[in-house]
Protein backbone atom coordinates (compact mmCIF):
# COMPACT_ATOMS: atom_id res chain seq x y z
CA MET A 1 0.09 0.00 -0.09
CA LYS A 2 0.96 3.50 -0.68
CA ASN A 3 3.22 4.95 2.20
CA ASP A 4 3.93 1.55 3.72
CA ILE A 5 7.56 0.85 4.51
CA VAL A 6 9.08 -2.27 3.11
CA THR A 7 12.32 -3.92 3.27
CA LEU A 8 13.95 -4.69 -0.18
CA GLU A 9 17.09 -6.37 -1.52
CA ILE A 10 18.13 -4.82 -4.63
CA THR A 11 18.97 -7.36 -7.37
CA ASP A 12 19.49 -5.39 -10.36
CA ILE A 13 19.40 -1.93 -11.78
CA THR A 14 17.51 -0.62 -14.70
CA PRO A 15 19.45 1.48 -17.43
CA GLU A 16 17.28 4.54 -15.95
CA GLY A 17 19.33 3.97 -12.61
CA TYR A 18 16.26 2.39 -10.57
CA GLY A 19 17.31 -0.49 -8.26
CA VAL A 20 15.13 -3.54 -8.72
CA GLY A 21 13.76 -5.47 -5.59
CA ARG A 22 10.99 -8.00 -5.30
CA ILE A 23 8.28 -9.03 -2.42
CA ASP A 24 6.45 -12.13 -3.42
CA GLY A 25 7.03 -11.65 -7.01
CA LYS A 26 6.06 -8.06 -7.25
CA VAL A 27 8.69 -5.72 -8.51
CA PHE A 28 9.78 -2.37 -6.81
CA PHE A 29 11.87 0.15 -8.51
CA VAL A 30 13.88 2.57 -6.13
CA ALA A 31 16.23 5.22 -7.06
CA ASP A 32 19.87 5.74 -5.60
CA THR A 33 20.37 2.00 -4.67
CA ALA A 34 22.81 -0.44 -5.71
CA VAL A 35 22.76 -4.18 -6.65
CA GLY A 36 23.44 -5.83 -2.86
CA ASP A 37 21.79 -3.07 -1.01
CA ILE A 38 19.36 -4.25 1.72
CA CYS A 39 17.28 -1.26 2.32
CA GLU A 40 14.01 0.33 3.89
CA CYS A 41 11.84 2.04 1.35
CA ILE A 42 8.60 3.85 1.55
CA ILE A 43 5.96 3.03 -1.37
CA LEU A 44 5.17 6.14 -3.40
CA LYS A 45 3.15 4.48 -6.19
CA GLU A 46 1.58 1.15 -6.45
CA LEU A 47 0.46 -0.30 -9.62
CA LYS A 48 -0.75 -3.88 -10.48
CA SER A 49 2.50 -5.22 -11.71
CA HIS A 50 4.98 -2.99 -10.18
CA SER A 51 5.52 -0.11 -7.59
CA PHE A 52 7.70 2.85 -7.18
CA ALA A 53 9.38 3.23 -3.83
CA LYS A 54 11.80 5.83 -2.18
CA LEU A 55 14.99 5.00 -0.35
CA VAL A 56 14.68 5.63 3.28
CA ASN A 57 17.30 3.86 5.16
CA ILE A 58 20.13 1.41 3.97
CA LEU A 59 20.45 -1.59 6.35
CA THR A 60 23.30 -3.24 4.50
CA PRO A 61 25.17 -1.31 1.85
CA SER A 62 26.27 -2.93 -1.51
CA ARG A 63 29.93 -3.45 -1.88
CA ASP A 64 29.52 -1.35 -5.17
CA ARG A 65 28.29 1.72 -3.25
CA ILE A 66 30.32 4.86 -3.01
CA GLU A 67 29.78 8.33 -1.64
CA SER A 68 28.48 10.62 -4.38
CA ASP A 69 30.71 13.66 -5.06
CA CYS A 70 27.93 15.83 -6.24
CA ALA A 71 25.58 17.65 -4.02
CA VAL A 72 22.40 17.46 -6.41
CA SER A 73 23.00 14.03 -7.67
CA LYS A 74 20.05 12.50 -5.88
CA ARG A 75 17.66 15.34 -7.38
CA CYS A 76 19.12 15.77 -10.89
CA GLY A 77 18.08 13.57 -13.46
CA GLY A 78 21.61 13.28 -15.06
CA CYS A 79 24.10 11.01 -12.95
CA VAL A 80 22.03 8.19 -12.08
CA PHE A 81 25.07 6.06 -11.23
CA ARG A 82 27.30 8.34 -9.26
CA HIS A 83 26.57 6.56 -6.09
CA ILE A 84 28.13 3.30 -7.25
CA SER A 85 31.74 2.52 -8.28
CA TYR A 86 32.73 3.04 -11.94
CA ASP A 87 33.60 -0.56 -12.51
CA ALA A 88 30.21 -1.60 -11.36
CA GLU A 89 28.67 0.71 -13.71
CA LEU A 90 30.51 -0.58 -16.63
CA GLU A 91 29.54 -4.07 -15.82
CA LEU A 92 25.93 -2.96 -15.43
CA LYS A 93 26.09 -1.49 -18.92
CA LYS A 94 27.46 -4.59 -20.31
CA ASN A 95 24.59 -6.60 -18.85
CA THR A 96 22.27 -4.02 -20.19
CA VAL A 97 23.25 -4.75 -23.74
CA LYS A 98 23.16 -8.41 -23.08
CA GLN A 99 19.84 -8.41 -21.61
CA ALA A 100 18.30 -6.29 -24.55
CA PHE A 101 19.42 -9.03 -27.08
CA SER A 102 18.46 -11.88 -25.02
CA ARG A 103 15.03 -10.54 -23.88
CA ILE A 104 13.95 -8.38 -26.78
CA ALA A 105 15.40 -9.87 -29.88
CA GLY A 106 16.18 -13.47 -28.45
CA ILE A 107 19.68 -13.23 -30.08
CA ASP A 108 22.63 -14.97 -28.40
CA ILE A 109 25.35 -12.48 -29.35
CA LYS A 110 28.88 -12.13 -27.67
CA VAL A 111 28.81 -8.74 -25.83
CA ASN A 112 32.38 -7.39 -25.47
CA ASP A 113 33.65 -5.48 -22.43
CA VAL A 114 32.59 -1.89 -22.36
CA VAL A 115 35.24 0.48 -23.76
CA SER A 116 35.61 3.37 -21.37
CA GLY A 117 37.81 6.51 -20.78
CA ASN A 118 37.80 9.42 -18.30
CA PRO A 119 34.29 9.50 -16.45
CA GLU A 120 34.78 13.23 -15.29
CA ARG A 121 34.57 16.63 -17.21
CA TYR A 122 34.07 14.96 -20.64
CA ARG A 123 31.03 16.67 -22.07
CA ASN A 124 31.82 19.27 -24.74
CA LYS A 125 28.29 20.34 -25.01
CA VAL A 126 25.33 21.42 -22.47
CA GLN A 127 21.73 22.33 -22.81
CA TYR A 128 20.44 24.34 -19.99
CA PRO A 129 16.95 24.81 -19.44
CA PHE A 130 15.94 28.29 -18.04
CA SER A 131 13.16 29.34 -15.99
CA CYS A 132 11.68 32.16 -13.85
CA GLU A 133 11.03 31.40 -10.17
CA ASN A 134 9.67 34.26 -7.97
CA GLY A 135 10.90 36.69 -10.38
CA ILE A 136 14.56 35.23 -10.50
CA THR A 137 16.13 33.58 -13.68
CA GLN A 138 17.23 30.24 -12.97
CA PHE A 139 18.87 27.36 -14.85
CA GLY A 140 20.15 23.71 -14.20
CA TYR A 141 19.05 20.28 -15.05
CA TYR A 142 15.50 18.65 -14.97
CA ALA A 143 14.86 16.47 -12.00
CA ARG A 144 14.13 12.69 -12.78
CA ARG A 145 10.89 12.28 -14.52
CA SER A 146 9.89 15.86 -14.42
CA HIS A 147 10.62 19.28 -15.91
CA ARG A 148 11.27 20.81 -12.58
CA ILE A 149 14.82 22.41 -12.82
CA VAL A 150 17.55 21.70 -10.42
CA SER A 151 20.02 24.39 -9.94
CA HIS A 152 23.55 23.63 -9.35
CA SER A 153 27.05 25.60 -9.21
CA SER A 154 29.21 22.96 -10.67
CA CYS A 155 28.48 19.68 -12.73
CA PRO A 156 31.33 17.12 -12.46
CA LEU A 157 30.63 15.85 -15.99
CA GLN A 158 31.48 19.23 -17.77
CA ASP A 159 33.75 22.25 -17.74
CA ILE A 160 33.02 24.72 -14.89
CA VAL A 161 33.05 27.43 -17.38
CA PHE A 162 29.57 26.32 -18.81
CA THR A 163 28.14 26.82 -15.33
CA GLU A 164 29.82 30.14 -15.02
CA ILE A 165 28.61 31.38 -18.42
CA ALA A 166 24.96 30.22 -17.71
CA SER A 167 24.91 31.71 -14.18
CA TYR A 168 26.27 35.24 -15.72
CA CYS A 169 23.66 34.71 -18.32
CA ALA A 170 20.84 34.54 -15.76
CA GLU A 171 22.06 37.45 -14.00
CA LEU A 172 22.08 39.71 -17.02
CA CYS A 173 18.72 38.58 -17.83
CA ASP A 174 17.27 39.61 -14.50
CA LYS A 175 19.24 42.99 -14.97
CA LEU A 176 17.84 43.61 -18.49
CA HIS A 177 14.30 42.19 -17.69
CA ILE A 178 14.73 39.38 -20.32
CA THR A 179 12.55 36.87 -18.33
CA GLY A 180 13.23 33.15 -18.16
CA TYR A 181 10.53 30.96 -19.87
CA ASN A 182 7.56 29.38 -17.92
CA GLU A 183 6.52 26.13 -19.55
CA SER A 184 3.16 26.06 -17.73
CA SER A 185 2.07 29.60 -18.96
CA GLY A 186 4.11 29.56 -22.14
CA LYS A 187 5.23 33.23 -21.03
CA GLY A 188 8.92 34.42 -20.82
CA ILE A 189 11.86 34.78 -23.18
CA VAL A 190 14.88 32.60 -22.64
CA ARG A 191 14.19 28.85 -22.93
CA HIS A 192 17.47 27.25 -22.97
CA ALA A 193 21.19 28.00 -23.15
CA VAL A 194 22.97 25.58 -25.39
CA MET A 195 26.92 25.53 -25.53
CA ARG A 196 29.58 23.76 -27.52
CA LYS A 197 33.37 23.69 -26.60
CA ASN A 198 35.96 22.54 -28.98
CA ARG A 199 39.46 20.93 -27.94
CA LYS A 200 41.08 24.41 -28.14
CA GLY A 201 38.58 25.74 -25.47
CA GLU A 202 36.50 28.13 -27.89
CA ILE A 203 32.88 28.17 -27.17
CA LEU A 204 29.61 28.63 -29.37
CA LEU A 205 26.58 29.95 -27.48
CA CYS A 206 23.17 29.51 -28.76
CA LEU A 207 20.24 31.15 -26.69
CA VAL A 208 16.83 29.54 -27.60
CA VAL A 209 14.04 32.01 -27.02
CA ALA A 210 10.47 32.06 -27.36
CA GLU A 211 10.42 35.41 -29.15
CA LYS A 212 12.64 38.03 -30.14
CA HIS A 213 13.56 40.85 -27.79
CA ARG A 214 15.21 44.16 -28.33
CA LYS A 215 17.79 43.59 -25.46
CA LEU A 216 19.03 40.25 -26.75
CA SER A 217 21.92 41.87 -28.52
CA ILE A 218 22.93 43.70 -25.26
CA LEU A 219 22.85 40.57 -23.53
CA ALA A 220 24.89 38.71 -26.09
CA GLU A 221 27.57 41.69 -26.09
CA GLU A 222 28.01 41.73 -22.17
CA ILE A 223 28.47 37.74 -22.22
CA ALA A 224 31.16 37.96 -24.89
CA LYS A 225 32.96 40.80 -23.02
CA LYS A 226 33.01 38.54 -19.81
CA PHE A 227 34.09 35.44 -21.53
CA PRO A 228 36.35 35.98 -24.43
CA GLN A 229 36.56 32.24 -25.22
CA ILE A 230 32.96 32.73 -26.58
CA ILE A 231 33.81 33.18 -30.36
CA GLY A 232 30.08 33.27 -31.33
CA ILE A 233 26.56 33.72 -30.05
CA HIS A 234 23.36 32.63 -31.99
CA ILE A 235 19.88 32.93 -31.32
CA ASN A 236 17.08 30.43 -32.05
CA ILE A 237 13.56 31.02 -31.91
CA ASN A 238 11.24 28.27 -30.72
CA LYS A 239 7.52 29.67 -30.26
CA LYS A 240 5.89 25.88 -29.94
CA ARG A 241 4.32 24.87 -26.62
CA ASP A 242 6.37 21.39 -26.55
CA ASN A 243 9.38 20.04 -25.04
CA VAL A 244 11.53 20.19 -28.21
CA ILE A 245 14.64 22.44 -27.53
CA PHE A 246 15.05 24.08 -30.95
CA GLY A 247 12.80 26.09 -33.30
CA ASP A 248 13.28 26.30 -37.06
CA GLU A 249 14.84 29.70 -37.10
CA THR A 250 18.45 30.37 -36.11
CA TYR A 251 20.34 33.63 -36.74
CA ARG A 252 23.91 34.88 -35.52
CA LEU A 253 24.18 37.77 -33.26
CA LEU A 254 27.84 38.22 -33.00
CA GLY A 255 31.17 36.28 -33.93
CA VAL A 256 31.45 33.30 -35.91
CA ASN A 257 28.84 31.01 -37.51
CA THR A 258 30.44 27.70 -36.66
CA LEU A 259 32.67 26.07 -34.16
CA THR A 260 35.75 24.00 -35.44
CA ASP A 261 36.80 21.07 -33.79
CA SER A 262 39.14 18.06 -34.52
CA LEU A 263 38.30 14.32 -34.53
CA CYS A 264 40.34 11.35 -35.75
CA GLY A 265 42.64 13.75 -37.26
CA LYS A 266 40.13 15.27 -39.34
CA THR A 267 38.56 18.88 -38.91
CA PHE A 268 35.08 19.62 -38.55
CA GLU A 269 32.92 22.63 -38.57
CA ILE A 270 29.79 22.35 -36.43
CA SER A 271 26.70 24.78 -36.45
CA PRO A 272 24.48 25.31 -33.44
CA ARG A 273 21.91 22.59 -34.27
CA ALA A 274 24.12 20.08 -35.95
CA PHE A 275 24.81 16.73 -34.25
CA TYR A 276 28.20 16.15 -32.82
CA GLN A 277 29.29 13.75 -30.03
CA VAL A 278 29.64 15.36 -26.65
CA ASN A 279 32.57 13.17 -25.67
CA ALA A 280 35.25 13.51 -28.24
CA ASP A 281 37.60 11.35 -26.79
CA MET A 282 35.29 8.36 -26.65
CA ALA A 283 33.89 9.15 -30.04
CA GLU A 284 37.46 8.75 -31.51
CA LYS A 285 37.55 5.30 -29.86
CA LEU A 286 34.00 4.28 -31.39
CA TYR A 287 34.88 5.62 -34.81
CA SER A 288 38.00 3.87 -34.83
CA HIS A 289 36.43 0.53 -33.78
CA ALA A 290 33.88 1.09 -36.41
CA SER A 291 36.65 1.93 -39.05
CA THR A 292 38.10 -1.50 -38.28
CA LEU A 293 34.81 -3.38 -38.91
CA ALA A 294 34.65 -1.95 -42.43
CA ASN A 295 35.81 -4.62 -44.78
CA ARG A 296 36.90 -2.50 -47.73
CA LYS A 297 37.41 -3.65 -51.32
CA GLU A 298 41.21 -3.31 -52.52
CA ASP A 299 40.22 -0.41 -55.00
CA GLY A 300 37.78 1.24 -52.64
CA SER A 301 34.31 0.72 -51.40
CA ILE A 302 31.29 2.72 -51.74
CA ILE A 303 30.16 3.90 -48.17
CA LEU A 304 26.57 5.20 -47.44
CA ASP A 305 26.14 7.20 -44.16
CA LEU A 306 22.61 7.54 -43.11
CA TYR A 307 21.96 10.06 -40.28
CA CYS A 308 25.34 11.64 -41.17
CA GLY A 309 24.95 14.79 -39.16
CA ALA A 310 27.87 17.11 -39.91
CA GLY A 311 29.60 14.27 -41.66
CA THR A 312 31.82 13.05 -38.89
CA ILE A 313 31.41 9.27 -38.91
CA GLY A 314 31.64 8.92 -42.75
CA LEU A 315 34.52 11.25 -42.95
CA CYS A 316 36.42 9.40 -40.22
CA LEU A 317 35.91 6.17 -41.79
CA ALA A 318 36.31 6.60 -45.54
CA ASN A 319 39.72 6.09 -47.03
CA ASP A 320 40.96 8.23 -50.00
CA SER A 321 39.99 5.40 -52.39
CA ASP A 322 36.44 5.00 -50.99
CA LYS A 323 33.47 6.66 -52.29
CA LEU A 324 31.33 8.29 -49.47
CA CYS A 325 27.65 9.41 -49.67
CA GLY A 326 26.11 11.10 -46.59
CA VAL A 327 22.29 11.89 -46.15
CA GLU A 328 20.75 13.86 -43.17
CA ILE A 329 17.41 15.68 -42.82
CA ILE A 330 18.71 18.95 -41.36
CA ASP A 331 19.86 21.36 -43.80
CA ALA A 332 22.39 23.26 -41.74
CA ALA A 333 24.17 19.92 -40.89
CA ILE A 334 24.42 18.76 -44.57
CA GLU A 335 25.96 22.34 -45.39
CA ASN A 336 28.43 21.53 -42.44
CA ALA A 337 29.28 18.22 -44.04
CA LYS A 338 29.96 19.56 -47.45
CA ILE A 339 32.36 22.06 -45.95
CA ASN A 340 34.15 19.45 -43.77
CA ALA A 341 34.38 17.33 -46.75
CA ARG A 342 36.29 19.92 -48.61
CA GLN A 343 38.51 20.85 -45.64
CA ASN A 344 39.55 17.22 -45.27
CA GLY A 345 40.63 16.87 -48.79
CA ARG A 346 37.63 15.15 -50.29
CA SER A 347 36.24 16.15 -53.60
CA GLU A 348 32.89 16.00 -55.40
CA GLU A 349 34.31 12.98 -57.45
CA ASN A 350 34.20 10.99 -54.40
CA THR A 351 32.11 12.43 -51.90
CA LEU A 352 28.33 13.45 -51.88
CA PHE A 353 26.18 14.75 -49.07
CA VAL A 354 22.50 15.15 -49.51
CA CYS A 355 19.36 16.46 -47.51
CA GLY A 356 16.75 13.83 -47.22
CA ASP A 357 15.56 10.59 -45.81
CA ALA A 358 17.13 7.19 -46.29
CA SER A 359 15.32 6.24 -49.33
CA VAL A 360 16.82 9.70 -51.10
CA GLY A 361 20.16 8.70 -49.76
CA VAL A 362 20.19 5.19 -51.28
CA GLU A 363 19.01 6.63 -54.63
CA GLU A 364 21.31 9.48 -54.77
CA CYS A 365 24.37 7.16 -53.79
CA LYS A 366 23.28 4.64 -56.48
CA ARG A 367 22.93 7.51 -59.18
CA ARG A 368 26.47 8.99 -58.40
CA PHE A 369 28.49 6.03 -57.34
CA GLY A 370 26.66 2.89 -57.62
CA LYS A 371 25.19 0.27 -55.02
CA PRO A 372 26.53 0.84 -51.65
CA ASP A 373 28.94 -1.69 -50.14
CA ILE A 374 28.67 -0.55 -46.62
CA ILE A 375 25.91 1.30 -44.96
CA ILE A 376 26.42 2.98 -41.70
CA VAL A 377 23.45 3.84 -39.48
CA ASP A 378 23.45 5.98 -36.47
CA PRO A 379 19.84 6.63 -35.66
CA PRO A 380 18.21 8.59 -32.65
CA ARG A 381 17.12 6.60 -29.70
CA LYS A 382 14.08 5.61 -31.31
CA GLY A 383 15.96 3.28 -33.73
CA LEU A 384 15.33 2.78 -37.43
CA ASP A 385 11.68 2.60 -38.80
CA THR A 386 10.79 -0.45 -40.56
CA ALA A 387 10.77 1.44 -43.79
CA VAL A 388 14.20 2.40 -43.20
CA ILE A 389 15.44 -1.13 -42.44
CA GLU A 390 13.53 -2.08 -45.80
CA THR A 391 15.38 0.51 -47.80
CA VAL A 392 18.65 -0.65 -46.34
CA VAL A 393 18.08 -4.33 -47.04
CA LYS A 394 16.87 -3.57 -50.57
CA ALA A 395 20.03 -1.54 -51.26
CA SER A 396 21.86 -5.12 -50.54
CA PRO A 397 25.05 -3.94 -48.85
CA GLU A 398 27.67 -6.45 -48.14
CA GLN A 399 27.84 -4.80 -44.39
CA VAL A 400 25.68 -2.65 -42.14
CA ILE A 401 27.48 -0.85 -39.27
CA TYR A 402 24.84 -0.08 -36.68
CA ILE A 403 25.94 2.58 -34.10
CA SER A 404 23.11 2.83 -31.44
CA CYS A 405 22.44 4.88 -28.32
CA ASP A 406 19.82 2.66 -27.15
CA PRO A 407 20.29 -1.09 -26.71
CA ALA A 408 16.72 -2.04 -26.68
CA THR A 409 15.88 -0.40 -30.09
CA LEU A 410 19.36 -1.65 -31.41
CA ALA A 411 18.34 -5.33 -30.40
CA ARG A 412 14.66 -4.91 -31.77
CA ASP A 413 16.16 -3.66 -35.16
CA CYS A 414 18.93 -6.55 -35.30
CA ALA A 415 16.11 -8.93 -34.95
CA VAL A 416 14.39 -7.38 -38.03
CA PHE A 417 17.64 -7.45 -40.05
CA ALA A 418 18.11 -11.19 -39.21
CA GLU A 419 14.78 -11.83 -40.96
CA SER A 420 16.12 -10.42 -44.24
CA GLY A 421 19.48 -12.16 -43.80
CA TYR A 422 21.75 -9.77 -42.01
CA PHE A 423 23.38 -11.30 -38.90
CA ALA A 424 25.69 -10.06 -36.18
CA ASP A 425 28.17 -11.94 -34.22
CA SER A 426 29.20 -9.59 -31.56
CA ALA A 427 28.38 -6.26 -29.95
CA THR A 428 30.89 -3.70 -28.48
CA PRO A 429 29.51 -1.18 -25.99
CA PHE A 430 31.07 2.39 -25.51
CA ASP A 431 30.61 4.44 -22.53
CA LEU A 432 30.45 7.95 -24.21
CA PHE A 433 28.10 9.15 -21.26
CA PRO A 434 29.82 7.79 -18.06
CA ARG A 435 27.77 8.02 -14.68
CA THR A 436 24.39 8.40 -16.79
CA GLY A 437 22.23 5.55 -17.71
CA HIS A 438 23.28 5.93 -21.65
CA VAL A 439 25.37 3.55 -23.28
CA GLU A 440 26.43 3.42 -27.00
CA THR A 441 26.85 0.00 -28.92
CA VAL A 442 28.42 -0.75 -32.27
CA VAL A 443 27.34 -3.79 -34.08
CA LEU A 444 28.37 -5.21 -37.56
CA LEU A 445 25.69 -6.83 -39.61
CA GLU A 446 26.64 -8.88 -42.44
CA ARG A 447 24.75 -10.32 -45.15
CA ALA A 448 24.55 -14.13 -45.04
CA GLY A 449 26.65 -15.76 -47.72
CA SER A 450 28.88 -12.48 -48.10
CA THR A 451 32.31 -13.38 -49.52
CA ILE A 452 33.90 -9.96 -48.66
């Protein structure tokens, strides 16, 4: 019953960071617990098949448990694993991938150890929601399962300069009477501050606003004076009453249009809305691994990169002898990809980037270069639509390199590919988002009977 105190032994943890305990076969989900904890919990919400409870007291701590070094980790929805050792987290993420394939896809696949790196200060991008509470502009991260902002003074996942910039921006908003946005009422101006930092320390700032304001230029100028590492400030306008961060219109207030960064020895320009991995060091490890999976022809292969973003994956994987075609639905990202291709020595003879969906990409690739030998897919968390899988299978590549940010949708899609004769022998997880519940996974799907 709700508000009852129960004693639970935690036997598992979900990818969202909820410990799992059972009483008489009924499942209880409890945040901030670790496998092996024996604890007292109060029931918050009871459903037929499961209940949610809150940790009250730890009777016997897990051997994996550590003291969190973040004052707001229990309230913030980001670091769901900051209370357990990093080794335990990596093992949990490996098991998450294993269980996805066995439970969802019914596939017996070898899951390699998680490839990891530095678990602290790794993020090169932040997206801070802004709000106005009691007349004061606030920023932070959303609490778990809510849009309630948890304020903080420093996040151990990112460079402290991001927090300093956001804090100064909030102060200026109050001074200039540019109010933070209220999701409930739809009133207010500043909705998000999105920042990216390259390896040289240069920063691109994009303020997402509900409408234009005459003092936004003053706000930008003051921020740029305070933080000389900011080389460009953009405004994105989002008037919609939803939880999507960006709107369709973006314009530059001052400085440069794009941020330039290096990855795998290549140079890339990134616009405010273009996709770019938030953990550059781990992205290099992931792309290098994906490159070793690509079984190229001696005279070069035709590579099709779906969901190509700013072209990073394809440009890192393709050799000089390869033909590369990338496809993406965001115009600005495709323009970045074209620039990135030229900057990295590729020409129109061996490279094509087009704006469109997967079917457009396949047809354009065939028209310019011929049938693709290797198709790379790196979709959003929802995975691939059935129509996209059908398009890929119909293109009949020898290999499909699938890079996924969600083991569940990856396993589901691999089962669909298997029905069409594309099979995977192993999966390699990469911890691009340490201390959070996310894990990236790379799988090579090969066509049955392939002789490459």
